[in-house]
Amino acid sequence: MELDYDFVRKTLIECAESEHLQGPTNKEIRNFADENHVSLNELAFTIDKMEEAGFITGKVTYSGEGPYVILIGNLTWDGNQYLNSIRNPFIWKETKQKLIDKGVTASFSVITALATAIAKQKLGL
């Protein structure tokens, strides 16, 4: 399964905007997946990868049939830093376009560096 960076961004925003101290509830995150036309398997994969990257405190519990409980949890320091670099829709759009123009895929750290460079350019720094 391939990681969808647009959905990662949306998921981080959903987590950051949650009113719950422990992040969106299992029900809220399932509704979020439905609204974004993402299967539970895709959602679980994304949450697992975001947790592996150290962006969230989330956890996925699996049963024999697939994901059973999906919790995003809270954003970590690194999750907040990454989200802050890509939250602005114009910065995110330009970051993605530069990657497409160069024909490359990138890691979270490269995306962060590119988005930060674009933001600095916009600010005249």
PDB file of N, CA and C in Angstrom:
ATOM      1  N   MET A   1       0.851  -1.176   0.000  1.00  0.00           N
ATOM      2  CA  MET A   1       0.000   0.000   0.000  1.00  0.00           C
ATOM      3  C   MET A   1       0.897   1.239   0.000  1.00  0.00           C
ATOM      4  N   GLU A   2       0.514   2.242  -0.741  1.00  0.00           N
ATOM      5  CA  GLU A   2       1.302   3.470  -0.839  1.00  0.00           C
ATOM      6  C   GLU A   2       0.741   4.542   0.083  1.00  0.00           C
ATOM      7  N   LEU A   3       1.626   5.278   0.724  1.00  0.00           N
ATOM      8  CA  LEU A   3       1.232   6.337   1.641  1.00  0.00           C
ATOM      9  C   LEU A   3       0.751   7.554   0.857  1.00  0.00           C
ATOM     10  N   ASP A   4      -0.433   8.042   1.193  1.00  0.00           N
ATOM     11  CA  ASP A   4      -1.035   9.206   0.547  1.00  0.00           C
ATOM     12  C   ASP A   4      -0.719  10.438   1.401  1.00  0.00           C
ATOM     13  N   TYR A   5       0.209  11.263   0.935  1.00  0.00           N
ATOM     14  CA  TYR A   5       0.655  12.413   1.717  1.00  0.00           C
ATOM     15  C   TYR A   5      -0.437  13.462   1.898  1.00  0.00           C
ATOM     16  N   ASP A   6      -1.373  13.567   0.956  1.00  0.00           N
ATOM     17  CA  ASP A   6      -2.512  14.468   1.144  1.00  0.00           C
ATOM     18  C   ASP A   6      -3.362  14.000   2.320  1.00  0.00           C
ATOM     19  N   PHE A   7      -3.577  12.694   2.398  1.00  0.00           N
ATOM     20  CA  PHE A   7      -4.380  12.168   3.501  1.00  0.00           C
ATOM     21  C   PHE A   7      -3.622  12.270   4.824  1.00  0.00           C
ATOM     22  N   VAL A   8      -2.315  12.116   4.799  1.00  0.00           N
ATOM     23  CA  VAL A   8      -1.516  12.322   6.018  1.00  0.00           C
ATOM     24  C   VAL A   8      -1.734  13.743   6.519  1.00  0.00           C
ATOM     25  N   ARG A   9      -1.645  14.713   5.623  1.00  0.00           N
ATOM     26  CA  ARG A   9      -1.838  16.119   6.005  1.00  0.00           C
ATOM     27  C   ARG A   9      -3.234  16.337   6.585  1.00  0.00           C
ATOM     28  N   LYS A  10      -4.244  15.825   5.911  1.00  0.00           N
ATOM     29  CA  LYS A  10      -5.616  15.975   6.408  1.00  0.00           C
ATOM     30  C   LYS A  10      -5.780  15.332   7.785  1.00  0.00           C
ATOM     31  N   THR A  11      -5.152  14.185   7.978  1.00  0.00           N
ATOM     32  CA  THR A  11      -5.255  13.472   9.247  1.00  0.00           C
ATOM     33  C   THR A  11      -4.570  14.249  10.366  1.00  0.00           C
ATOM     34  N   LEU A  12      -3.420  14.823  10.083  1.00  0.00           N
ATOM     35  CA  LEU A  12      -2.736  15.643  11.085  1.00  0.00           C
ATOM     36  C   LEU A  12      -3.576  16.857  11.463  1.00  0.00           C
ATOM     37  N   ILE A  13      -4.199  17.482  10.477  1.00  0.00           N
ATOM     38  CA  ILE A  13      -5.069  18.628  10.749  1.00  0.00           C
ATOM     39  C   ILE A  13      -6.259  18.189  11.590  1.00  0.00           C
ATOM     40  N   GLU A  14      -6.855  17.056  11.251  1.00  0.00           N
ATOM     41  CA  GLU A  14      -7.987  16.524  12.023  1.00  0.00           C
ATOM     42  C   GLU A  14      -7.578  16.306  13.474  1.00  0.00           C
ATOM     43  N   CYS A  15      -6.414  15.763  13.677  1.00  0.00           N
ATOM     44  CA  CYS A  15      -5.901  15.507  15.019  1.00  0.00           C
ATOM     45  C   CYS A  15      -5.674  16.823  15.767  1.00  0.00           C
ATOM     46  N   ALA A  16      -5.046  17.780  15.111  1.00  0.00           N
ATOM     47  CA  ALA A  16      -4.739  19.066  15.735  1.00  0.00           C
ATOM     48  C   ALA A  16      -5.999  19.833  16.110  1.00  0.00           C
ATOM     49  N   GLU A  17      -7.056  19.669  15.336  1.00  0.00           N
ATOM     50  CA  GLU A  17      -8.288  20.418  15.573  1.00  0.00           C
ATOM     51  C   GLU A  17      -9.268  19.704  16.497  1.00  0.00           C
ATOM     52  N   SER A  18      -8.912  18.525  16.969  1.00  0.00           N
ATOM     53  CA  SER A  18      -9.800  17.774  17.849  1.00  0.00           C
ATOM     54  C   SER A  18      -9.981  18.494  19.182  1.00  0.00           C
ATOM     55  N   GLU A  19     -11.195  18.452  19.698  1.00  0.00           N
ATOM     56  CA  GLU A  19     -11.495  19.043  20.997  1.00  0.00           C
ATOM     57  C   GLU A  19     -11.187  18.088  22.143  1.00  0.00           C
ATOM     58  N   HIS A  20     -10.894  16.840  21.830  1.00  0.00           N
ATOM     59  CA  HIS A  20     -10.628  15.832  22.853  1.00  0.00           C
ATOM     60  C   HIS A  20      -9.150  15.817  23.217  1.00  0.00           C
ATOM     61  N   LEU A  21      -8.865  15.659  24.489  1.00  0.00           N
ATOM     62  CA  LEU A  21      -7.475  15.641  24.948  1.00  0.00           C
ATOM     63  C   LEU A  21      -6.680  14.488  24.357  1.00  0.00           C
ATOM     64  N   GLN A  22      -7.339  13.385  24.056  1.00  0.00           N
ATOM     65  CA  GLN A  22      -6.658  12.215  23.493  1.00  0.00           C
ATOM     66  C   GLN A  22      -6.818  12.121  21.982  1.00  0.00           C
ATOM     67  N   GLY A  23      -7.225  13.208  21.344  1.00  0.00           N
ATOM     68  CA  GLY A  23      -7.416  13.208  19.898  1.00  0.00           C
ATOM     69  C   GLY A  23      -8.802  12.719  19.527  1.00  0.00           C
ATOM     70  N   PRO A  24      -9.091  12.655  18.233  1.00  0.00           N
ATOM     71  CA  PRO A  24     -10.412  12.213  17.778  1.00  0.00           C
ATOM     72  C   PRO A  24     -10.741  10.809  18.291  1.00  0.00           C
ATOM     73  N   THR A  25     -12.010  10.593  18.585  1.00  0.00           N
ATOM     74  CA  THR A  25     -12.454   9.278  19.043  1.00  0.00           C
ATOM     75  C   THR A  25     -12.436   8.295  17.875  1.00  0.00           C
ATOM     76  N   ASN A  26     -12.533   7.014  18.200  1.00  0.00           N
ATOM     77  CA  ASN A  26     -12.573   5.976  17.172  1.00  0.00           C
ATOM     78  C   ASN A  26     -13.722   6.244  16.191  1.00  0.00           C
ATOM     79  N   LYS A  27     -14.879   6.620  16.719  1.00  0.00           N
ATOM     80  CA  LYS A  27     -16.038   6.902  15.863  1.00  0.00           C
ATOM     81  C   LYS A  27     -15.767   8.118  14.969  1.00  0.00           C
ATOM     82  N   GLU A  28     -15.195   9.172  15.545  1.00  0.00           N
ATOM     83  CA  GLU A  28     -14.905  10.378  14.761  1.00  0.00           C
ATOM     84  C   GLU A  28     -13.901  10.092  13.642  1.00  0.00           C
ATOM     85  N   ILE A  29     -12.898   9.287  13.936  1.00  0.00           N
ATOM     86  CA  ILE A  29     -11.887   9.010  12.922  1.00  0.00           C
ATOM     87  C   ILE A  29     -12.449   8.116  11.817  1.00  0.00           C
ATOM     88  N   ARG A  30     -13.361   7.216  12.166  1.00  0.00           N
ATOM     89  CA  ARG A  30     -14.014   6.402  11.137  1.00  0.00           C
ATOM     90  C   ARG A  30     -14.898   7.278  10.242  1.00  0.00           C
ATOM     91  N   ASN A  31     -15.611   8.227  10.844  1.00  0.00           N
ATOM     92  CA  ASN A  31     -16.411   9.165  10.055  1.00  0.00           C
ATOM     93  C   ASN A  31     -15.517  10.016   9.155  1.00  0.00           C
ATOM     94  N   PHE A  32     -14.372  10.434   9.687  1.00  0.00           N
ATOM     95  CA  PHE A  32     -13.396  11.204   8.918  1.00  0.00           C
ATOM     96  C   PHE A  32     -12.928  10.407   7.699  1.00  0.00           C
ATOM     97  N   ALA A  33     -12.661   9.127   7.894  1.00  0.00           N
ATOM     98  CA  ALA A  33     -12.243   8.263   6.781  1.00  0.00           C
ATOM     99  C   ALA A  33     -13.352   8.173   5.737  1.00  0.00           C
ATOM    100  N   ASP A  34     -14.592   7.987   6.191  1.00  0.00           N
ATOM    101  CA  ASP A  34     -15.726   7.923   5.261  1.00  0.00           C
ATOM    102  C   ASP A  34     -15.846   9.215   4.451  1.00  0.00           C
ATOM    103  N   GLU A  35     -15.733  10.357   5.141  1.00  0.00           N
ATOM    104  CA  GLU A  35     -15.842  11.654   4.468  1.00  0.00           C
ATOM    105  C   GLU A  35     -14.748  11.841   3.415  1.00  0.00           C
ATOM    106  N   ASN A  36     -13.608  11.218   3.634  1.00  0.00           N
ATOM    107  CA  ASN A  36     -12.480  11.338   2.714  1.00  0.00           C
ATOM    108  C   ASN A  36     -12.376  10.160   1.753  1.00  0.00           C
ATOM    109  N   HIS A  37     -13.397   9.294   1.768  1.00  0.00           N
ATOM    110  CA  HIS A  37     -13.467   8.133   0.869  1.00  0.00           C
ATOM    111  C   HIS A  37     -12.232   7.242   0.986  1.00  0.00           C
ATOM    112  N   VAL A  38     -11.854   6.972   2.235  1.00  0.00           N
ATOM    113  CA  VAL A  38     -10.691   6.140   2.535  1.00  0.00           C
ATOM    114  C   VAL A  38     -11.177   4.902   3.280  1.00  0.00           C
ATOM    115  N   SER A  39     -10.711   3.741   2.868  1.00  0.00           N
ATOM    116  CA  SER A  39     -11.102   2.498   3.539  1.00  0.00           C
ATOM    117  C   SER A  39     -10.468   2.423   4.925  1.00  0.00           C
ATOM    118  N   LEU A  40     -11.016   1.553   5.770  1.00  0.00           N
ATOM    119  CA  LEU A  40     -10.432   1.365   7.102  1.00  0.00           C
ATOM    120  C   LEU A  40      -9.010   0.825   7.015  1.00  0.00           C
ATOM    121  N   ASN A  41      -8.737  -0.014   6.024  1.00  0.00           N
ATOM    122  CA  ASN A  41      -7.371  -0.516   5.848  1.00  0.00           C
ATOM    123  C   ASN A  41      -6.408   0.615   5.480  1.00  0.00           C
ATOM    124  N   GLU A  42      -6.836   1.513   4.593  1.00  0.00           N
ATOM    125  CA  GLU A  42      -5.992   2.656   4.225  1.00  0.00           C
ATOM    126  C   GLU A  42      -5.781   3.581   5.418  1.00  0.00           C
ATOM    127  N   LEU A  43      -6.850   3.792   6.183  1.00  0.00           N
ATOM    128  CA  LEU A  43      -6.756   4.618   7.382  1.00  0.00           C
ATOM    129  C   LEU A  43      -5.781   4.005   8.380  1.00  0.00           C
ATOM    130  N   ALA A  44      -5.922   2.713   8.636  1.00  0.00           N
ATOM    131  CA  ALA A  44      -5.040   2.027   9.586  1.00  0.00           C
ATOM    132  C   ALA A  44      -3.588   2.097   9.120  1.00  0.00           C
ATOM    133  N   PHE A  45      -3.355   1.892   7.838  1.00  0.00           N
ATOM    134  CA  PHE A  45      -2.004   1.974   7.279  1.00  0.00           C
ATOM    135  C   PHE A  45      -1.413   3.364   7.518  1.00  0.00           C
ATOM    136  N   THR A  46      -2.209   4.398   7.244  1.00  0.00           N
ATOM    137  CA  THR A  46      -1.754   5.779   7.426  1.00  0.00           C
ATOM    138  C   THR A  46      -1.428   6.059   8.886  1.00  0.00           C
ATOM    139  N   ILE A  47      -2.311   5.639   9.795  1.00  0.00           N
ATOM    140  CA  ILE A  47      -2.077   5.851  11.231  1.00  0.00           C
ATOM    141  C   ILE A  47      -0.812   5.117  11.665  1.00  0.00           C
ATOM    142  N   ASP A  48      -0.643   3.876  11.225  1.00  0.00           N
ATOM    143  CA  ASP A  48       0.571   3.115  11.563  1.00  0.00           C
ATOM    144  C   ASP A  48       1.826   3.857  11.104  1.00  0.00           C
ATOM    145  N   LYS A  49       1.825   4.351   9.874  1.00  0.00           N
ATOM    146  CA  LYS A  49       3.004   5.036   9.332  1.00  0.00           C
ATOM    147  C   LYS A  49       3.262   6.356  10.047  1.00  0.00           C
ATOM    148  N   MET A  50       2.200   7.080  10.384  1.00  0.00           N
ATOM    149  CA  MET A  50       2.367   8.337  11.109  1.00  0.00           C
ATOM    150  C   MET A  50       2.916   8.086  12.514  1.00  0.00           C
ATOM    151  N   GLU A  51       2.498   6.985  13.124  1.00  0.00           N
ATOM    152  CA  GLU A  51       3.026   6.627  14.448  1.00  0.00           C
ATOM    153  C   GLU A  51       4.491   6.212  14.324  1.00  0.00           C
ATOM    154  N   GLU A  52       4.824   5.441  13.307  1.00  0.00           N
ATOM    155  CA  GLU A  52       6.217   5.042  13.074  1.00  0.00           C
ATOM    156  C   GLU A  52       7.114   6.258  12.846  1.00  0.00           C
ATOM    157  N   ALA A  53       6.584   7.289  12.179  1.00  0.00           N
ATOM    158  CA  ALA A  53       7.349   8.507  11.907  1.00  0.00           C
ATOM    159  C   ALA A  53       7.485   9.381  13.147  1.00  0.00           C
ATOM    160  N   GLY A  54       6.736   9.046  14.191  1.00  0.00           N
ATOM    161  CA  GLY A  54       6.797   9.829  15.418  1.00  0.00           C
ATOM    162  C   GLY A  54       5.940  11.080  15.380  1.00  0.00           C
ATOM    163  N   PHE A  55       4.928  11.114  14.499  1.00  0.00           N
ATOM    164  CA  PHE A  55       4.072  12.287  14.359  1.00  0.00           C
ATOM    165  C   PHE A  55       2.865  12.263  15.291  1.00  0.00           C
ATOM    166  N   ILE A  56       2.438  11.085  15.687  1.00  0.00           N
ATOM    167  CA  ILE A  56       1.252  10.945  16.530  1.00  0.00           C
ATOM    168  C   ILE A  56       1.501   9.896  17.606  1.00  0.00           C
ATOM    169  N   THR A  57       0.627   9.913  18.609  1.00  0.00           N
ATOM    170  CA  THR A  57       0.692   8.895  19.661  1.00  0.00           C
ATOM    171  C   THR A  57      -0.317   7.790  19.400  1.00  0.00           C
ATOM    172  N   GLY A  58      -0.856   7.735  18.202  1.00  0.00           N
ATOM    173  CA  GLY A  58      -1.927   6.809  17.849  1.00  0.00           C
ATOM    174  C   GLY A  58      -1.533   5.353  17.853  1.00  0.00           C
ATOM    175  N   LYS A  59      -2.560   4.539  17.715  1.00  0.00           N
ATOM    176  CA  LYS A  59      -2.362   3.088  17.722  1.00  0.00           C
ATOM    177  C   LYS A  59      -3.520   2.438  16.979  1.00  0.00           C
ATOM    178  N   VAL A  60      -3.192   1.383  16.270  1.00  0.00           N
ATOM    179  CA  VAL A  60      -4.212   0.583  15.592  1.00  0.00           C
ATOM    180  C   VAL A  60      -4.186  -0.798  16.216  1.00  0.00           C
ATOM    181  N   THR A  61      -5.357  -1.284  16.605  1.00  0.00           N
ATOM    182  CA  THR A  61      -5.498  -2.645  17.120  1.00  0.00           C
ATOM    183  C   THR A  61      -6.203  -3.459  16.047  1.00  0.00           C
ATOM    184  N   TYR A  62      -5.625  -4.600  15.738  1.00  0.00           N
ATOM    185  CA  TYR A  62      -6.167  -5.442  14.671  1.00  0.00           C
ATOM    186  C   TYR A  62      -6.859  -6.664  15.248  1.00  0.00           C
ATOM    187  N   SER A  63      -7.917  -7.078  14.566  1.00  0.00           N
ATOM    188  CA  SER A  63      -8.555  -8.364  14.843  1.00  0.00           C
ATOM    189  C   SER A  63      -8.215  -9.258  13.656  1.00  0.00           C
ATOM    190  N   GLY A  64      -8.746 -10.443  13.623  1.00  0.00           N
ATOM    191  CA  GLY A  64      -8.472 -11.352  12.518  1.00  0.00           C
ATOM    192  C   GLY A  64      -8.943 -10.837  11.177  1.00  0.00           C
ATOM    193  N   GLU A  65      -9.884  -9.904  11.178  1.00  0.00           N
ATOM    194  CA  GLU A  65     -10.467  -9.408   9.932  1.00  0.00           C
ATOM    195  C   GLU A  65      -9.927  -8.047   9.503  1.00  0.00           C
ATOM    196  N   GLY A  66      -8.996  -7.487  10.244  1.00  0.00           N
ATOM    197  CA  GLY A  66      -8.452  -6.178   9.885  1.00  0.00           C
ATOM    198  C   GLY A  66      -8.451  -5.241  11.067  1.00  0.00           C
ATOM    199  N   PRO A  67      -8.413  -3.929  10.798  1.00  0.00           N
ATOM    200  CA  PRO A  67      -8.370  -2.960  11.892  1.00  0.00           C
ATOM    201  C   PRO A  67      -9.646  -3.010  12.725  1.00  0.00           C
ATOM    202  N   TYR A  68      -9.469  -3.037  14.046  1.00  0.00           N
ATOM    203  CA  TYR A  68     -10.604  -3.125  14.959  1.00  0.00           C
ATOM    204  C   TYR A  68     -10.810  -1.793  15.674  1.00  0.00           C
ATOM    205  N   VAL A  69      -9.758  -1.270  16.274  1.00  0.00           N
ATOM    206  CA  VAL A  69      -9.808   0.032  16.933  1.00  0.00           C
ATOM    207  C   VAL A  69      -8.720   0.897  16.314  1.00  0.00           C
ATOM    208  N   ILE A  70      -9.109   2.085  15.875  1.00  0.00           N
ATOM    209  CA  ILE A  70      -8.167   3.011  15.261  1.00  0.00           C
ATOM    210  C   ILE A  70      -8.205   4.311  16.057  1.00  0.00           C
ATOM    211  N   LEU A  71      -7.075   4.642  16.672  1.00  0.00           N
ATOM    212  CA  LEU A  71      -6.970   5.874  17.444  1.00  0.00           C
ATOM    213  C   LEU A  71      -5.805   6.700  16.911  1.00  0.00           C
ATOM    214  N   ILE A  72      -6.063   7.967  16.623  1.00  0.00           N
ATOM    215  CA  ILE A  72      -4.986   8.846  16.172  1.00  0.00           C
ATOM    216  C   ILE A  72      -4.132   9.272  17.355  1.00  0.00           C
ATOM    217  N   GLY A  73      -4.782   9.570  18.468  1.00  0.00           N
ATOM    218  CA  GLY A  73      -4.045  10.107  19.607  1.00  0.00           C
ATOM    219  C   GLY A  73      -3.761  11.582  19.381  1.00  0.00           C
ATOM    220  N   ASN A  74      -2.680  12.049  19.982  1.00  0.00           N
ATOM    221  CA  ASN A  74      -2.281  13.450  19.874  1.00  0.00           C
ATOM    222  C   ASN A  74      -1.108  13.608  18.926  1.00  0.00           C
ATOM    223  N   LEU A  75      -0.900  14.840  18.492  1.00  0.00           N
ATOM    224  CA  LEU A  75       0.302  15.147  17.729  1.00  0.00           C
ATOM    225  C   LEU A  75       1.489  15.190  18.681  1.00  0.00           C
ATOM    226  N   THR A  76       2.604  14.671  18.240  1.00  0.00           N
ATOM    227  CA  THR A  76       3.851  14.794  18.984  1.00  0.00           C
ATOM    228  C   THR A  76       4.506  16.122  18.588  1.00  0.00           C
ATOM    229  N   TRP A  77       5.644  16.416  19.207  1.00  0.00           N
ATOM    230  CA  TRP A  77       6.394  17.612  18.821  1.00  0.00           C
ATOM    231  C   TRP A  77       6.727  17.563  17.328  1.00  0.00           C
ATOM    232  N   ASP A  78       7.252  16.424  16.866  1.00  0.00           N
ATOM    233  CA  ASP A  78       7.607  16.285  15.448  1.00  0.00           C
ATOM    234  C   ASP A  78       6.383  16.396  14.549  1.00  0.00           C
ATOM    235  N   GLY A  79       5.255  15.854  15.005  1.00  0.00           N
ATOM    236  CA  GLY A  79       4.021  15.963  14.236  1.00  0.00           C
ATOM    237  C   GLY A  79       3.575  17.407  14.090  1.00  0.00           C
ATOM    238  N   ASN A  80       3.684  18.164  15.179  1.00  0.00           N
ATOM    239  CA  ASN A  80       3.356  19.586  15.122  1.00  0.00           C
ATOM    240  C   ASN A  80       4.300  20.337  14.197  1.00  0.00           C
ATOM    241  N   GLN A  81       5.585  20.024  14.268  1.00  0.00           N
ATOM    242  CA  GLN A  81       6.567  20.691  13.418  1.00  0.00           C
ATOM    243  C   GLN A  81       6.286  20.409  11.940  1.00  0.00           C
ATOM    244  N   TYR A  82       6.028  19.138  11.620  1.00  0.00           N
ATOM    245  CA  TYR A  82       5.732  18.777  10.230  1.00  0.00           C
ATOM    246  C   TYR A  82       4.454  19.476   9.762  1.00  0.00           C
ATOM    247  N   LEU A  83       3.403  19.415  10.578  1.00  0.00           N
ATOM    248  CA  LEU A  83       2.140  20.044  10.196  1.00  0.00           C
ATOM    249  C   LEU A  83       2.310  21.544  10.005  1.00  0.00           C
ATOM    250  N   ASN A  84       3.052  22.190  10.884  1.00  0.00           N
ATOM    251  CA  ASN A  84       3.259  23.631  10.743  1.00  0.00           C
ATOM    252  C   ASN A  84       3.940  23.980   9.425  1.00  0.00           C
ATOM    253  N   SER A  85       4.779  23.094   8.921  1.00  0.00           N
ATOM    254  CA  SER A  85       5.474  23.376   7.660  1.00  0.00           C
ATOM    255  C   SER A  85       4.572  23.190   6.442  1.00  0.00           C
ATOM    256  N   ILE A  86       3.513  22.385   6.564  1.00  0.00           N
ATOM    257  CA  ILE A  86       2.663  22.090   5.393  1.00  0.00           C
ATOM    258  C   ILE A  86       1.200  22.481   5.571  1.00  0.00           C
ATOM    259  N   ARG A  87       0.838  23.073   6.699  1.00  0.00           N
ATOM    260  CA  ARG A  87      -0.575  23.373   6.973  1.00  0.00           C
ATOM    261  C   ARG A  87      -1.162  24.357   5.967  1.00  0.00           C
ATOM    262  N   ASN A  88      -0.432  25.410   5.645  1.00  0.00           N
ATOM    263  CA  ASN A  88      -0.931  26.420   4.724  1.00  0.00           C
ATOM    264  C   ASN A  88      -1.213  25.779   3.366  1.00  0.00           C
ATOM    265  N   PRO A  89      -2.456  25.898   2.859  1.00  0.00           N
ATOM    266  CA  PRO A  89      -2.800  25.217   1.607  1.00  0.00           C
ATOM    267  C   PRO A  89      -1.973  25.677   0.403  1.00  0.00           C
ATOM    268  N   PHE A  90      -1.568  26.936   0.380  1.00  0.00           N
ATOM    269  CA  PHE A  90      -0.774  27.430  -0.747  1.00  0.00           C
ATOM    270  C   PHE A  90       0.647  26.866  -0.701  1.00  0.00           C
ATOM    271  N   ILE A  91       1.220  26.796   0.496  1.00  0.00           N
ATOM    272  CA  ILE A  91       2.558  26.207   0.658  1.00  0.00           C
ATOM    273  C   ILE A  91       2.503  24.730   0.288  1.00  0.00           C
ATOM    274  N   TRP A  92       1.456  24.031   0.757  1.00  0.00           N
ATOM    275  CA  TRP A  92       1.320  22.601   0.469  1.00  0.00           C
ATOM    276  C   TRP A  92       1.187  22.365  -1.034  1.00  0.00           C
ATOM    277  N   LYS A  93       0.353  23.164  -1.688  1.00  0.00           N
ATOM    278  CA  LYS A  93       0.142  23.005  -3.134  1.00  0.00           C
ATOM    279  C   LYS A  93       1.450  23.236  -3.899  1.00  0.00           C
ATOM    280  N   GLU A  94       2.181  24.274  -3.529  1.00  0.00           N
ATOM    281  CA  GLU A  94       3.435  24.572  -4.220  1.00  0.00           C
ATOM    282  C   GLU A  94       4.487  23.497  -3.943  1.00  0.00           C
ATOM    283  N   THR A  95       4.511  22.989  -2.720  1.00  0.00           N
ATOM    284  CA  THR A  95       5.448  21.918  -2.368  1.00  0.00           C
ATOM    285  C   THR A  95       5.184  20.686  -3.230  1.00  0.00           C
ATOM    286  N   LYS A  96       3.925  20.278  -3.304  1.00  0.00           N
ATOM    287  CA  LYS A  96       3.572  19.111  -4.122  1.00  0.00           C
ATOM    288  C   LYS A  96       3.909  19.343  -5.591  1.00  0.00           C
ATOM    289  N   GLN A  97       3.638  20.549  -6.082  1.00  0.00           N
ATOM    290  CA  GLN A  97       3.900  20.846  -7.490  1.00  0.00           C
ATOM    291  C   GLN A  97       5.385  20.762  -7.810  1.00  0.00           C
ATOM    292  N   LYS A  98       6.225  21.263  -6.911  1.00  0.00           N
ATOM    293  CA  LYS A  98       7.678  21.184  -7.141  1.00  0.00           C
ATOM    294  C   LYS A  98       8.139  19.733  -7.200  1.00  0.00           C
ATOM    295  N   LEU A  99       7.583  18.886  -6.341  1.00  0.00           N
ATOM    296  CA  LEU A  99       7.938  17.462  -6.364  1.00  0.00           C
ATOM    297  C   LEU A  99       7.484  16.813  -7.671  1.00  0.00           C
ATOM    298  N   ILE A 100       6.278  17.169  -8.120  1.00  0.00           N
ATOM    299  CA  ILE A 100       5.754  16.630  -9.379  1.00  0.00           C
ATOM    300  C   ILE A 100       6.614  17.105 -10.550  1.00  0.00           C
ATOM    301  N   ASP A 101       6.935  18.402 -10.554  1.00  0.00           N
ATOM    302  CA  ASP A 101       7.746  18.965 -11.641  1.00  0.00           C
ATOM    303  C   ASP A 101       9.105  18.285 -11.753  1.00  0.00           C
ATOM    304  N   LYS A 102       9.676  17.922 -10.617  1.00  0.00           N
ATOM    305  CA  LYS A 102      10.989  17.259 -10.607  1.00  0.00           C
ATOM    306  C   LYS A 102      10.862  15.753 -10.787  1.00  0.00           C
ATOM    307  N   GLY A 103       9.628  15.249 -10.716  1.00  0.00           N
ATOM    308  CA  GLY A 103       9.397  13.820 -10.904  1.00  0.00           C
ATOM    309  C   GLY A 103       9.971  12.955  -9.799  1.00  0.00           C
ATOM    310  N   VAL A 104       9.897  13.462  -8.573  1.00  0.00           N
ATOM    311  CA  VAL A 104      10.466  12.708  -7.454  1.00  0.00           C
ATOM    312  C   VAL A 104       9.422  12.456  -6.374  1.00  0.00           C
ATOM    313  N   THR A 105       9.666  11.400  -5.624  1.00  0.00           N
ATOM    314  CA  THR A 105       8.936  11.184  -4.387  1.00  0.00           C
ATOM    315  C   THR A 105       9.878  11.607  -3.273  1.00  0.00           C
ATOM    316  N   ALA A 106       9.341  11.891  -2.113  1.00  0.00           N
ATOM    317  CA  ALA A 106      10.191  12.427  -1.058  1.00  0.00           C
ATOM    318  C   ALA A 106       9.781  11.908   0.305  1.00  0.00           C
ATOM    319  N   SER A 107      10.720  11.955   1.211  1.00  0.00           N
ATOM    320  CA  SER A 107      10.468  11.580   2.598  1.00  0.00           C
ATOM    321  C   SER A 107       9.839  12.764   3.325  1.00  0.00           C
ATOM    322  N   PHE A 108       9.368  12.506   4.539  1.00  0.00           N
ATOM    323  CA  PHE A 108       8.801  13.585   5.345  1.00  0.00           C
ATOM    324  C   PHE A 108       9.826  14.696   5.552  1.00  0.00           C
ATOM    325  N   SER A 109      11.084  14.334   5.775  1.00  0.00           N
ATOM    326  CA  SER A 109      12.104  15.358   6.045  1.00  0.00           C
ATOM    327  C   SER A 109      12.364  16.226   4.814  1.00  0.00           C
ATOM    328  N   VAL A 110      12.346  15.634   3.632  1.00  0.00           N
ATOM    329  CA  VAL A 110      12.537  16.413   2.402  1.00  0.00           C
ATOM    330  C   VAL A 110      11.329  17.315   2.164  1.00  0.00           C
ATOM    331  N   ILE A 111      10.146  16.801   2.385  1.00  0.00           N
ATOM    332  CA  ILE A 111       8.930  17.611   2.228  1.00  0.00           C
ATOM    333  C   ILE A 111       8.965  18.786   3.192  1.00  0.00           C
ATOM    334  N   THR A 112       9.360  18.531   4.440  1.00  0.00           N
ATOM    335  CA  THR A 112       9.458  19.602   5.435  1.00  0.00           C
ATOM    336  C   THR A 112      10.454  20.663   4.985  1.00  0.00           C
ATOM    337  N   ALA A 113      11.622  20.237   4.529  1.00  0.00           N
ATOM    338  CA  ALA A 113      12.651  21.183   4.093  1.00  0.00           C
ATOM    339  C   ALA A 113      12.176  22.007   2.901  1.00  0.00           C
ATOM    340  N   LEU A 114      11.531  21.361   1.949  1.00  0.00           N
ATOM    341  CA  LEU A 114      11.033  22.059   0.765  1.00  0.00           C
ATOM    342  C   LEU A 114       9.936  23.051   1.141  1.00  0.00           C
ATOM    343  N   ALA A 115       8.985  22.624   1.962  1.00  0.00           N
ATOM    344  CA  ALA A 115       7.897  23.513   2.391  1.00  0.00           C
ATOM    345  C   ALA A 115       8.449  24.700   3.179  1.00  0.00           C
ATOM    346  N   THR A 116       9.439  24.450   4.018  1.00  0.00           N
ATOM    347  CA  THR A 116      10.059  25.525   4.793  1.00  0.00           C
ATOM    348  C   THR A 116      10.769  26.511   3.871  1.00  0.00           C
ATOM    349  N   ALA A 117      11.469  25.999   2.867  1.00  0.00           N
ATOM    350  CA  ALA A 117      12.154  26.871   1.903  1.00  0.00           C
ATOM    351  C   ALA A 117      11.148  27.729   1.136  1.00  0.00           C
ATOM    352  N   ILE A 118      10.027  27.140   0.761  1.00  0.00           N
ATOM    353  CA  ILE A 118       8.984  27.886   0.043  1.00  0.00           C
ATOM    354  C   ILE A 118       8.411  28.972   0.941  1.00  0.00           C
ATOM    355  N   ALA A 119       8.149  28.641   2.202  1.00  0.00           N
ATOM    356  CA  ALA A 119       7.618  29.628   3.151  1.00  0.00           C
ATOM    357  C   ALA A 119       8.616  30.770   3.350  1.00  0.00           C
ATOM    358  N   LYS A 120       9.896  30.440   3.479  1.00  0.00           N
ATOM    359  CA  LYS A 120      10.924  31.474   3.643  1.00  0.00           C
ATOM    360  C   LYS A 120      10.973  32.386   2.424  1.00  0.00           C
ATOM    361  N   GLN A 121      10.860  31.780   1.250  1.00  0.00           N
ATOM    362  CA  GLN A 121      10.870  32.566   0.015  1.00  0.00           C
ATOM    363  C   GLN A 121       9.681  33.527  -0.011  1.00  0.00           C
ATOM    364  N   LYS A 122       8.513  33.037   0.383  1.00  0.00           N
ATOM    365  CA  LYS A 122       7.308  33.876   0.402  1.00  0.00           C
ATOM    366  C   LYS A 122       7.460  35.031   1.387  1.00  0.00           C
ATOM    367  N   LEU A 123       8.203  34.771   2.477  1.00  0.00           N
ATOM    368  CA  LEU A 123       8.412  35.797   3.502  1.00  0.00           C
ATOM    369  C   LEU A 123       9.589  36.717   3.183  1.00  0.00           C
ATOM    370  N   GLY A 124      10.324  36.396   2.123  1.00  0.00           N
ATOM    371  CA  GLY A 124      11.471  37.201   1.745  1.00  0.00           C
ATOM    372  C   GLY A 124      12.680  36.987   2.637  1.00  0.00           C
ATOM    373  N   LEU A 125      12.766  35.800   3.221  1.00  0.00           N
ATOM    374  CA  LEU A 125      13.903  35.499   4.110  1.00  0.00           C
ATOM    375  C   LEU A 125      15.015  34.789   3.376  1.00  0.00           C
TER     376      LEU A 125
END
